[in-house]
Amino acid sequence: MIERGLQNVTVLQGVASVHLVEEDGFIAYTNDPDDAHAPHTVSKWLEMAGSLEGDGIVTTVMERGYVVLKPIGRRVLMVSCERSVNLGALRKALEELNWT
C-alpha cells in the first residue's frame, strides 16, 4: 500500500531513493534497500523535519544532489535526488500525496 501511494514520487526521473521513516528512526518503507544512510544522518534529517510547521517541505542542497523532507503525520518522507531532478515536479508530487 505504501509503495502504491508513493508511486508518483518514485517514478520521477532523478529520484534516487525514497524512505518513509518513523519518528524513532525506523525505516518503515524504502524503495532502495541497498541505499544505506548512516543512522546519524537519518536522525539529523528527522531533526530538520521536526522544525517544520504544517505541511512544509525542506529541500537540502548537498554536494551530489538534494534531500527533500516532508513530514507525514508521525513519519517523515525522505527523498534523495540527483542534481538533474525537476524539483518543481517533485514538490508537486509530494503535495498531491493521498494517504486515504
PDB file of N, CA and C in Angstrom:
ATOM      1  N   MET A   1       0.815  -1.189   0.000  1.00  0.00           N
ATOM      2  CA  MET A   1       0.000   0.000   0.000  1.00  0.00           C
ATOM      3  C   MET A   1       0.869   1.268   0.000  1.00  0.00           C
ATOM      4  N   ILE A   2       1.924   1.276   0.793  1.00  0.00           N
ATOM      5  CA  ILE A   2       2.812   2.436   0.836  1.00  0.00           C
ATOM      6  C   ILE A   2       3.466   2.624  -0.527  1.00  0.00           C
ATOM      7  N   GLU A   3       3.913   1.523  -1.107  1.00  0.00           N
ATOM      8  CA  GLU A   3       4.573   1.593  -2.414  1.00  0.00           C
ATOM      9  C   GLU A   3       3.656   2.211  -3.462  1.00  0.00           C
ATOM     10  N   ARG A   4       2.399   1.821  -3.424  1.00  0.00           N
ATOM     11  CA  ARG A   4       1.438   2.361  -4.389  1.00  0.00           C
ATOM     12  C   ARG A   4       1.194   3.849  -4.150  1.00  0.00           C
ATOM     13  N   GLY A   5       1.131   4.250  -2.887  1.00  0.00           N
ATOM     14  CA  GLY A   5       0.922   5.656  -2.558  1.00  0.00           C
ATOM     15  C   GLY A   5       2.074   6.547  -2.974  1.00  0.00           C
ATOM     16  N   LEU A   6       3.271   5.996  -2.994  1.00  0.00           N
ATOM     17  CA  LEU A   6       4.468   6.770  -3.332  1.00  0.00           C
ATOM     18  C   LEU A   6       4.896   6.622  -4.788  1.00  0.00           C
ATOM     19  N   GLN A   7       4.117   5.907  -5.571  1.00  0.00           N
ATOM     20  CA  GLN A   7       4.495   5.614  -6.952  1.00  0.00           C
ATOM     21  C   GLN A   7       4.772   6.874  -7.769  1.00  0.00           C
ATOM     22  N   ASN A   8       3.979   7.924  -7.593  1.00  0.00           N
ATOM     23  CA  ASN A   8       4.190   9.152  -8.368  1.00  0.00           C
ATOM     24  C   ASN A   8       5.496   9.848  -8.006  1.00  0.00           C
ATOM     25  N   VAL A   9       6.027   9.562  -6.829  1.00  0.00           N
ATOM     26  CA  VAL A   9       7.307  10.132  -6.411  1.00  0.00           C
ATOM     27  C   VAL A   9       8.460   9.264  -6.914  1.00  0.00           C
ATOM     28  N   THR A  10       8.341   7.960  -6.734  1.00  0.00           N
ATOM     29  CA  THR A  10       9.451   7.059  -7.064  1.00  0.00           C
ATOM     30  C   THR A  10       9.741   6.970  -8.558  1.00  0.00           C
ATOM     31  N   VAL A  11       8.749   7.256  -9.400  1.00  0.00           N
ATOM     32  CA  VAL A  11       8.957   7.142 -10.849  1.00  0.00           C
ATOM     33  C   VAL A  11       9.560   8.398 -11.472  1.00  0.00           C
ATOM     34  N   LEU A  12       9.666   9.477 -10.715  1.00  0.00           N
ATOM     35  CA  LEU A  12      10.219  10.715 -11.268  1.00  0.00           C
ATOM     36  C   LEU A  12      11.688  10.539 -11.638  1.00  0.00           C
ATOM     37  N   GLN A  13      12.055  11.053 -12.797  1.00  0.00           N
ATOM     38  CA  GLN A  13      13.448  10.992 -13.237  1.00  0.00           C
ATOM     39  C   GLN A  13      14.305  11.825 -12.289  1.00  0.00           C
ATOM     40  N   GLY A  14      15.389  11.253 -11.816  1.00  0.00           N
ATOM     41  CA  GLY A  14      16.293  11.946 -10.906  1.00  0.00           C
ATOM     42  C   GLY A  14      16.086  11.599  -9.446  1.00  0.00           C
ATOM     43  N   VAL A  15      15.007  10.879  -9.120  1.00  0.00           N
ATOM     44  CA  VAL A  15      14.788  10.437  -7.740  1.00  0.00           C
ATOM     45  C   VAL A  15      15.605   9.169  -7.531  1.00  0.00           C
ATOM     46  N   ALA A  16      16.552   9.228  -6.598  1.00  0.00           N
ATOM     47  CA  ALA A  16      17.447   8.095  -6.352  1.00  0.00           C
ATOM     48  C   ALA A  16      16.855   7.113  -5.353  1.00  0.00           C
ATOM     49  N   SER A  17      16.272   7.621  -4.266  1.00  0.00           N
ATOM     50  CA  SER A  17      15.687   6.738  -3.264  1.00  0.00           C
ATOM     51  C   SER A  17      14.626   7.478  -2.471  1.00  0.00           C
ATOM     52  N   VAL A  18      13.685   6.700  -1.939  1.00  0.00           N
ATOM     53  CA  VAL A  18      12.598   7.239  -1.125  1.00  0.00           C
ATOM     54  C   VAL A  18      12.515   6.401   0.143  1.00  0.00           C
ATOM     55  N   HIS A  19      12.494   7.077   1.284  1.00  0.00           N
ATOM     56  CA  HIS A  19      12.382   6.397   2.578  1.00  0.00           C
ATOM     57  C   HIS A  19      11.241   7.024   3.367  1.00  0.00           C
ATOM     58  N   LEU A  20      10.430   6.194   3.983  1.00  0.00           N
ATOM     59  CA  LEU A  20       9.415   6.660   4.921  1.00  0.00           C
ATOM     60  C   LEU A  20       9.894   6.229   6.293  1.00  0.00           C
ATOM     61  N   VAL A  21      10.211   7.213   7.141  1.00  0.00           N
ATOM     62  CA  VAL A  21      10.902   6.949   8.400  1.00  0.00           C
ATOM     63  C   VAL A  21      10.017   7.328   9.579  1.00  0.00           C
ATOM     64  N   GLU A  22       9.937   6.413  10.556  1.00  0.00           N
ATOM     65  CA  GLU A  22       9.207   6.687  11.799  1.00  0.00           C
ATOM     66  C   GLU A  22       9.976   7.713  12.617  1.00  0.00           C
ATOM     67  N   GLU A  23       9.311   8.322  13.585  1.00  0.00           N
ATOM     68  CA  GLU A  23       9.960   9.356  14.397  1.00  0.00           C
ATOM     69  C   GLU A  23      11.121   8.815  15.236  1.00  0.00           C
ATOM     70  N   ASP A  24      11.167   7.501  15.458  1.00  0.00           N
ATOM     71  CA  ASP A  24      12.281   6.913  16.215  1.00  0.00           C
ATOM     72  C   ASP A  24      13.438   6.468  15.310  1.00  0.00           C
ATOM     73  N   GLY A  25      13.329   6.735  13.994  1.00  0.00           N
ATOM     74  CA  GLY A  25      14.395   6.388  13.062  1.00  0.00           C
ATOM     75  C   GLY A  25      14.190   5.076  12.326  1.00  0.00           C
ATOM     76  N   PHE A  26      13.150   4.326  12.674  1.00  0.00           N
ATOM     77  CA  PHE A  26      12.860   3.066  11.991  1.00  0.00           C
ATOM     78  C   PHE A  26      12.385   3.360  10.568  1.00  0.00           C
ATOM     79  N   ILE A  27      12.994   2.709   9.587  1.00  0.00           N
ATOM     80  CA  ILE A  27      12.608   2.917   8.188  1.00  0.00           C
ATOM     81  C   ILE A  27      11.442   1.986   7.869  1.00  0.00           C
ATOM     82  N   ALA A  28      10.242   2.570   7.758  1.00  0.00           N
ATOM     83  CA  ALA A  28       9.024   1.803   7.510  1.00  0.00           C
ATOM     84  C   ALA A  28       8.924   1.357   6.058  1.00  0.00           C
ATOM     85  N   TYR A  29       9.498   2.141   5.147  1.00  0.00           N
ATOM     86  CA  TYR A  29       9.476   1.800   3.727  1.00  0.00           C
ATOM     87  C   TYR A  29      10.706   2.395   3.059  1.00  0.00           C
ATOM     88  N   THR A  30      11.269   1.665   2.131  1.00  0.00           N
ATOM     89  CA  THR A  30      12.319   2.188   1.258  1.00  0.00           C
ATOM     90  C   THR A  30      12.181   1.527  -0.106  1.00  0.00           C
ATOM     91  N   ASN A  31      12.445   2.281  -1.143  1.00  0.00           N
ATOM     92  CA  ASN A  31      12.415   1.685  -2.479  1.00  0.00           C
ATOM     93  C   ASN A  31      13.804   1.216  -2.902  1.00  0.00           C
ATOM     94  N   ASP A  32      14.787   1.431  -2.036  1.00  0.00           N
ATOM     95  CA  ASP A  32      16.167   1.047  -2.345  1.00  0.00           C
ATOM     96  C   ASP A  32      16.851   0.524  -1.085  1.00  0.00           C
ATOM     97  N   PRO A  33      16.685  -0.770  -0.782  1.00  0.00           N
ATOM     98  CA  PRO A  33      17.285  -1.310   0.445  1.00  0.00           C
ATOM     99  C   PRO A  33      18.810  -1.261   0.457  1.00  0.00           C
ATOM    100  N   ASP A  34      19.445  -1.097  -0.706  1.00  0.00           N
ATOM    101  CA  ASP A  34      20.908  -1.008  -0.755  1.00  0.00           C
ATOM    102  C   ASP A  34      21.420   0.389  -0.416  1.00  0.00           C
ATOM    103  N   ASP A  35      20.504   1.374  -0.392  1.00  0.00           N
ATOM    104  CA  ASP A  35      20.882   2.756  -0.078  1.00  0.00           C
ATOM    105  C   ASP A  35      20.909   2.895   1.438  1.00  0.00           C
ATOM    106  N   ALA A  36      22.051   2.635   2.018  1.00  0.00           N
ATOM    107  CA  ALA A  36      22.172   2.624   3.479  1.00  0.00           C
ATOM    108  C   ALA A  36      22.682   3.968   3.977  1.00  0.00           C
ATOM    109  N   HIS A  37      21.759   4.803   4.423  1.00  0.00           N
ATOM    110  CA  HIS A  37      22.165   6.065   5.047  1.00  0.00           C
ATOM    111  C   HIS A  37      22.546   5.763   6.488  1.00  0.00           C
ATOM    112  N   ALA A  38      23.586   6.385   6.950  1.00  0.00           N
ATOM    113  CA  ALA A  38      24.037   6.179   8.324  1.00  0.00           C
ATOM    114  C   ALA A  38      22.940   6.636   9.287  1.00  0.00           C
ATOM    115  N   PRO A  39      22.777   5.920  10.407  1.00  0.00           N
ATOM    116  CA  PRO A  39      21.738   6.295  11.376  1.00  0.00           C
ATOM    117  C   PRO A  39      21.844   7.742  11.848  1.00  0.00           C
ATOM    118  N   HIS A  40      23.068   8.258  12.009  1.00  0.00           N
ATOM    119  CA  HIS A  40      23.185   9.650  12.457  1.00  0.00           C
ATOM    120  C   HIS A  40      22.710  10.624  11.381  1.00  0.00           C
ATOM    121  N   THR A  41      22.839  10.244  10.111  1.00  0.00           N
ATOM    122  CA  THR A  41      22.345  11.089   9.026  1.00  0.00           C
ATOM    123  C   THR A  41      20.825  11.126   9.046  1.00  0.00           C
ATOM    124  N   VAL A  42      20.203   9.967   9.196  1.00  0.00           N
ATOM    125  CA  VAL A  42      18.744   9.898   9.266  1.00  0.00           C
ATOM    126  C   VAL A  42      18.238  10.691  10.464  1.00  0.00           C
ATOM    127  N   SER A  43      18.920  10.597  11.597  1.00  0.00           N
ATOM    128  CA  SER A  43      18.475  11.337  12.785  1.00  0.00           C
ATOM    129  C   SER A  43      18.583  12.844  12.567  1.00  0.00           C
ATOM    130  N   LYS A  44      19.610  13.302  11.861  1.00  0.00           N
ATOM    131  CA  LYS A  44      19.740  14.736  11.549  1.00  0.00           C
ATOM    132  C   LYS A  44      18.609  15.188  10.626  1.00  0.00           C
ATOM    133  N   TRP A  45      18.269  14.353   9.646  1.00  0.00           N
ATOM    134  CA  TRP A  45      17.170  14.696   8.749  1.00  0.00           C
ATOM    135  C   TRP A  45      15.852  14.741   9.511  1.00  0.00           C
ATOM    136  N   LEU A  46      15.646  13.797  10.446  1.00  0.00           N
ATOM    137  CA  LEU A  46      14.434  13.816  11.266  1.00  0.00           C
ATOM    138  C   LEU A  46      14.370  15.090  12.101  1.00  0.00           C
ATOM    139  N   GLU A  47      15.496  15.477  12.657  1.00  0.00           N
ATOM    140  CA  GLU A  47      15.565  16.700  13.457  1.00  0.00           C
ATOM    141  C   GLU A  47      15.213  17.920  12.599  1.00  0.00           C
ATOM    142  N   MET A  48      15.737  17.965  11.392  1.00  0.00           N
ATOM    143  CA  MET A  48      15.456  19.071  10.483  1.00  0.00           C
ATOM    144  C   MET A  48      13.964  19.126  10.140  1.00  0.00           C
ATOM    145  N   ALA A  49      13.384  17.971   9.863  1.00  0.00           N
ATOM    146  CA  ALA A  49      11.965  17.911   9.509  1.00  0.00           C
ATOM    147  C   ALA A  49      11.084  18.270  10.699  1.00  0.00           C
ATOM    148  N   GLY A  50      11.568  18.016  11.907  1.00  0.00           N
ATOM    149  CA  GLY A  50      10.801  18.331  13.109  1.00  0.00           C
ATOM    150  C   GLY A  50      10.607  19.818  13.321  1.00  0.00           C
ATOM    151  N   SER A  51      11.413  20.631  12.686  1.00  0.00           N
ATOM    152  CA  SER A  51      11.296  22.082  12.839  1.00  0.00           C
ATOM    153  C   SER A  51      10.223  22.689  11.940  1.00  0.00           C
ATOM    154  N   LEU A  52       9.634  21.874  11.080  1.00  0.00           N
ATOM    155  CA  LEU A  52       8.618  22.373  10.147  1.00  0.00           C
ATOM    156  C   LEU A  52       7.272  22.549  10.828  1.00  0.00           C
ATOM    157  N   GLU A  53       6.518  23.509  10.341  1.00  0.00           N
ATOM    158  CA  GLU A  53       5.156  23.706  10.806  1.00  0.00           C
ATOM    159  C   GLU A  53       4.203  23.396   9.663  1.00  0.00           C
ATOM    160  N   GLY A  54       3.098  22.759   9.980  1.00  0.00           N
ATOM    161  CA  GLY A  54       2.089  22.471   8.965  1.00  0.00           C
ATOM    162  C   GLY A  54       2.570  21.487   7.921  1.00  0.00           C
ATOM    163  N   ASP A  55       2.275  21.816   6.673  1.00  0.00           N
ATOM    164  CA  ASP A  55       2.594  20.932   5.547  1.00  0.00           C
ATOM    165  C   ASP A  55       3.867  21.354   4.828  1.00  0.00           C
ATOM    166  N   GLY A  56       4.837  21.856   5.547  1.00  0.00           N
ATOM    167  CA  GLY A  56       6.072  22.344   4.946  1.00  0.00           C
ATOM    168  C   GLY A  56       6.911  21.243   4.332  1.00  0.00           C
ATOM    169  N   ILE A  57       7.814  21.656   3.463  1.00  0.00           N
ATOM    170  CA  ILE A  57       8.764  20.756   2.821  1.00  0.00           C
ATOM    171  C   ILE A  57      10.145  21.390   2.938  1.00  0.00           C
ATOM    172  N   VAL A  58      11.138  20.595   3.339  1.00  0.00           N
ATOM    173  CA  VAL A  58      12.518  21.072   3.426  1.00  0.00           C
ATOM    174  C   VAL A  58      13.298  20.488   2.260  1.00  0.00           C
ATOM    175  N   THR A  59      14.031  21.337   1.550  1.00  0.00           N
ATOM    176  CA  THR A  59      14.924  20.881   0.491  1.00  0.00           C
ATOM    177  C   THR A  59      16.343  21.229   0.900  1.00  0.00           C
ATOM    178  N   THR A  60      17.173  20.215   1.059  1.00  0.00           N
ATOM    179  CA  THR A  60      18.561  20.403   1.453  1.00  0.00           C
ATOM    180  C   THR A  60      19.452  20.189   0.236  1.00  0.00           C
ATOM    181  N   VAL A  61      20.273  21.177  -0.058  1.00  0.00           N
ATOM    182  CA  VAL A  61      21.202  21.077  -1.184  1.00  0.00           C
ATOM    183  C   VAL A  61      22.473  20.406  -0.683  1.00  0.00           C
ATOM    184  N   MET A  62      22.847  19.331  -1.361  1.00  0.00           N
ATOM    185  CA  MET A  62      24.036  18.583  -0.977  1.00  0.00           C
ATOM    186  C   MET A  62      25.013  18.573  -2.151  1.00  0.00           C
ATOM    187  N   GLU A  63      26.179  18.033  -1.920  1.00  0.00           N
ATOM    188  CA  GLU A  63      27.227  18.046  -2.940  1.00  0.00           C
ATOM    189  C   GLU A  63      26.807  17.352  -4.230  1.00  0.00           C
ATOM    190  N   ARG A  64      26.141  16.212  -4.112  1.00  0.00           N
ATOM    191  CA  ARG A  64      25.795  15.427  -5.302  1.00  0.00           C
ATOM    192  C   ARG A  64      24.313  15.448  -5.647  1.00  0.00           C
ATOM    193  N   GLY A  65      23.538  16.230  -4.924  1.00  0.00           N
ATOM    194  CA  GLY A  65      22.107  16.260  -5.208  1.00  0.00           C
ATOM    195  C   GLY A  65      21.333  16.953  -4.109  1.00  0.00           C
ATOM    196  N   TYR A  66      20.131  16.461  -3.875  1.00  0.00           N
ATOM    197  CA  TYR A  66      19.237  17.072  -2.897  1.00  0.00           C
ATOM    198  C   TYR A  66      18.636  16.003  -1.999  1.00  0.00           C
ATOM    199  N   VAL A  67      18.219  16.424  -0.819  1.00  0.00           N
ATOM    200  CA  VAL A  67      17.375  15.606   0.039  1.00  0.00           C
ATOM    201  C   VAL A  67      16.148  16.449   0.329  1.00  0.00           C
ATOM    202  N   VAL A  68      14.983  15.902   0.039  1.00  0.00           N
ATOM    203  CA  VAL A  68      13.726  16.598   0.272  1.00  0.00           C
ATOM    204  C   VAL A  68      13.008  15.870   1.401  1.00  0.00           C
ATOM    205  N   LEU A  69      12.588  16.632   2.417  1.00  0.00           N
ATOM    206  CA  LEU A  69      11.944  16.073   3.599  1.00  0.00           C
ATOM    207  C   LEU A  69      10.520  16.589   3.697  1.00  0.00           C
ATOM    208  N   LYS A  70       9.577  15.673   3.901  1.00  0.00           N
ATOM    209  CA  LYS A  70       8.176  16.057   4.065  1.00  0.00           C
ATOM    210  C   LYS A  70       7.569  15.256   5.205  1.00  0.00           C
ATOM    211  N   PRO A  71       7.198  15.933   6.301  1.00  0.00           N
ATOM    212  CA  PRO A  71       6.517  15.230   7.387  1.00  0.00           C
ATOM    213  C   PRO A  71       5.133  14.752   6.938  1.00  0.00           C
ATOM    214  N   ILE A  72       4.817  13.522   7.325  1.00  0.00           N
ATOM    215  CA  ILE A  72       3.505  12.940   7.041  1.00  0.00           C
ATOM    216  C   ILE A  72       3.033  12.295   8.335  1.00  0.00           C
ATOM    217  N   GLY A  73       2.213  13.004   9.070  1.00  0.00           N
ATOM    218  CA  GLY A  73       1.773  12.505  10.369  1.00  0.00           C
ATOM    219  C   GLY A  73       2.959  12.375  11.306  1.00  0.00           C
ATOM    220  N   ARG A  74       3.159  11.175  11.844  1.00  0.00           N
ATOM    221  CA  ARG A  74       4.271  10.923  12.760  1.00  0.00           C
ATOM    222  C   ARG A  74       5.482  10.344  12.030  1.00  0.00           C
ATOM    223  N   ARG A  75       5.454  10.383  10.728  1.00  0.00           N
ATOM    224  CA  ARG A  75       6.554   9.881   9.906  1.00  0.00           C
ATOM    225  C   ARG A  75       7.119  11.015   9.062  1.00  0.00           C
ATOM    226  N   VAL A  76       8.285  10.759   8.474  1.00  0.00           N
ATOM    227  CA  VAL A  76       8.895  11.731   7.569  1.00  0.00           C
ATOM    228  C   VAL A  76       9.259  11.011   6.278  1.00  0.00           C
ATOM    229  N   LEU A  77       8.857  11.600   5.172  1.00  0.00           N
ATOM    230  CA  LEU A  77       9.225  11.087   3.864  1.00  0.00           C
ATOM    231  C   LEU A  77      10.536  11.748   3.467  1.00  0.00           C
ATOM    232  N   MET A  78      11.551  10.936   3.188  1.00  0.00           N
ATOM    233  CA  MET A  78      12.880  11.425   2.817  1.00  0.00           C
ATOM    234  C   MET A  78      13.162  10.991   1.386  1.00  0.00           C
ATOM    235  N   VAL A  79      13.362  11.970   0.515  1.00  0.00           N
ATOM    236  CA  VAL A  79      13.589  11.686  -0.898  1.00  0.00           C
ATOM    237  C   VAL A  79      14.986  12.164  -1.271  1.00  0.00           C
ATOM    238  N   SER A  80      15.849  11.233  -1.655  1.00  0.00           N
ATOM    239  CA  SER A  80      17.198  11.573  -2.125  1.00  0.00           C
ATOM    240  C   SER A  80      17.149  11.711  -3.640  1.00  0.00           C
ATOM    241  N   CYS A  81      17.700  12.806  -4.148  1.00  0.00           N
ATOM    242  CA  CYS A  81      17.611  13.103  -5.577  1.00  0.00           C
ATOM    243  C   CYS A  81      18.970  13.436  -6.163  1.00  0.00           C
ATOM    244  N   GLU A  82      19.088  13.190  -7.452  1.00  0.00           N
ATOM    245  CA  GLU A  82      20.260  13.619  -8.211  1.00  0.00           C
ATOM    246  C   GLU A  82      20.091  15.097  -8.554  1.00  0.00           C
ATOM    247  N   ARG A  83      21.154  15.724  -8.987  1.00  0.00           N
ATOM    248  CA  ARG A  83      21.095  17.144  -9.377  1.00  0.00           C
ATOM    249  C   ARG A  83      20.145  17.383 -10.550  1.00  0.00           C
ATOM    250  N   SER A  84      19.927  16.360 -11.360  1.00  0.00           N
ATOM    251  CA  SER A  84      19.107  16.511 -12.565  1.00  0.00           C
ATOM    252  C   SER A  84      17.606  16.471 -12.299  1.00  0.00           C
ATOM    253  N   VAL A  85      17.188  16.237 -11.069  1.00  0.00           N
ATOM    254  CA  VAL A  85      15.765  16.107 -10.762  1.00  0.00           C
ATOM    255  C   VAL A  85      15.038  17.434 -11.005  1.00  0.00           C
ATOM    256  N   ASN A  86      13.798  17.340 -11.412  1.00  0.00           N
ATOM    257  CA  ASN A  86      12.939  18.515 -11.549  1.00  0.00           C
ATOM    258  C   ASN A  86      12.293  18.738 -10.180  1.00  0.00           C
ATOM    259  N   LEU A  87      12.829  19.679  -9.405  1.00  0.00           N
ATOM    260  CA  LEU A  87      12.339  19.905  -8.043  1.00  0.00           C
ATOM    261  C   LEU A  87      10.887  20.363  -8.017  1.00  0.00           C
ATOM    262  N   GLY A  88      10.465  21.112  -9.008  1.00  0.00           N
ATOM    263  CA  GLY A  88       9.070  21.543  -9.073  1.00  0.00           C
ATOM    264  C   GLY A  88       8.129  20.363  -9.224  1.00  0.00           C
ATOM    265  N   ALA A  89       8.471  19.434 -10.104  1.00  0.00           N
ATOM    266  CA  ALA A  89       7.650  18.235 -10.301  1.00  0.00           C
ATOM    267  C   ALA A  89       7.648  17.377  -9.040  1.00  0.00           C
ATOM    268  N   LEU A  90       8.787  17.300  -8.366  1.00  0.00           N
ATOM    269  CA  LEU A  90       8.865  16.523  -7.129  1.00  0.00           C
ATOM    270  C   LEU A  90       7.992  17.148  -6.044  1.00  0.00           C
ATOM    271  N   ARG A  91       8.096  18.451  -5.858  1.00  0.00           N
ATOM    272  CA  ARG A  91       7.271  19.125  -4.844  1.00  0.00           C
ATOM    273  C   ARG A  91       5.785  18.958  -5.144  1.00  0.00           C
ATOM    274  N   LYS A  92       5.422  19.050  -6.416  1.00  0.00           N
ATOM    275  CA  LYS A  92       4.021  18.865  -6.803  1.00  0.00           C
ATOM    276  C   LYS A  92       3.557  17.450  -6.463  1.00  0.00           C
ATOM    277  N   ALA A  93       4.380  16.454  -6.771  1.00  0.00           N
ATOM    278  CA  ALA A  93       4.030  15.065  -6.455  1.00  0.00           C
ATOM    279  C   ALA A  93       3.893  14.872  -4.946  1.00  0.00           C
ATOM    280  N   LEU A  94       4.761  15.509  -4.164  1.00  0.00           N
ATOM    281  CA  LEU A  94       4.681  15.395  -2.708  1.00  0.00           C
ATOM    282  C   LEU A  94       3.423  16.063  -2.167  1.00  0.00           C
ATOM    283  N   GLU A  95       3.059  17.207  -2.724  1.00  0.00           N
ATOM    284  CA  GLU A  95       1.857  17.908  -2.272  1.00  0.00           C
ATOM    285  C   GLU A  95       0.590  17.150  -2.637  1.00  0.00           C
ATOM    286  N   GLU A  96       0.640  16.357  -3.692  1.00  0.00           N
ATOM    287  CA  GLU A  96      -0.531  15.613  -4.152  1.00  0.00           C
ATOM    288  C   GLU A  96      -0.646  14.225  -3.530  1.00  0.00           C
ATOM    289  N   LEU A  97       0.265  13.876  -2.635  1.00  0.00           N
ATOM    290  CA  LEU A  97       0.187  12.558  -1.995  1.00  0.00           C
ATOM    291  C   LEU A  97      -1.151  12.399  -1.291  1.00  0.00           C
ATOM    292  N   ASN A  98      -1.773  11.251  -1.492  1.00  0.00           N
ATOM    293  CA  ASN A  98      -3.067  10.975  -0.880  1.00  0.00           C
ATOM    294  C   ASN A  98      -2.963   9.679  -0.094  1.00  0.00           C
ATOM    295  N   TRP A  99      -3.066   9.773   1.220  1.00  0.00           N
ATOM    296  CA  TRP A  99      -2.899   8.601   2.082  1.00  0.00           C
ATOM    297  C   TRP A  99      -4.216   7.987   2.508  1.00  0.00           C
ATOM    298  N   THR A 100      -5.329   8.399   1.902  1.00  0.00           N
ATOM    299  CA  THR A 100      -6.625   7.840   2.299  1.00  0.00           C
ATOM    300  C   THR A 100      -7.024   6.683   1.438  1.00  0.00           C
TER     301      THR A 100
END
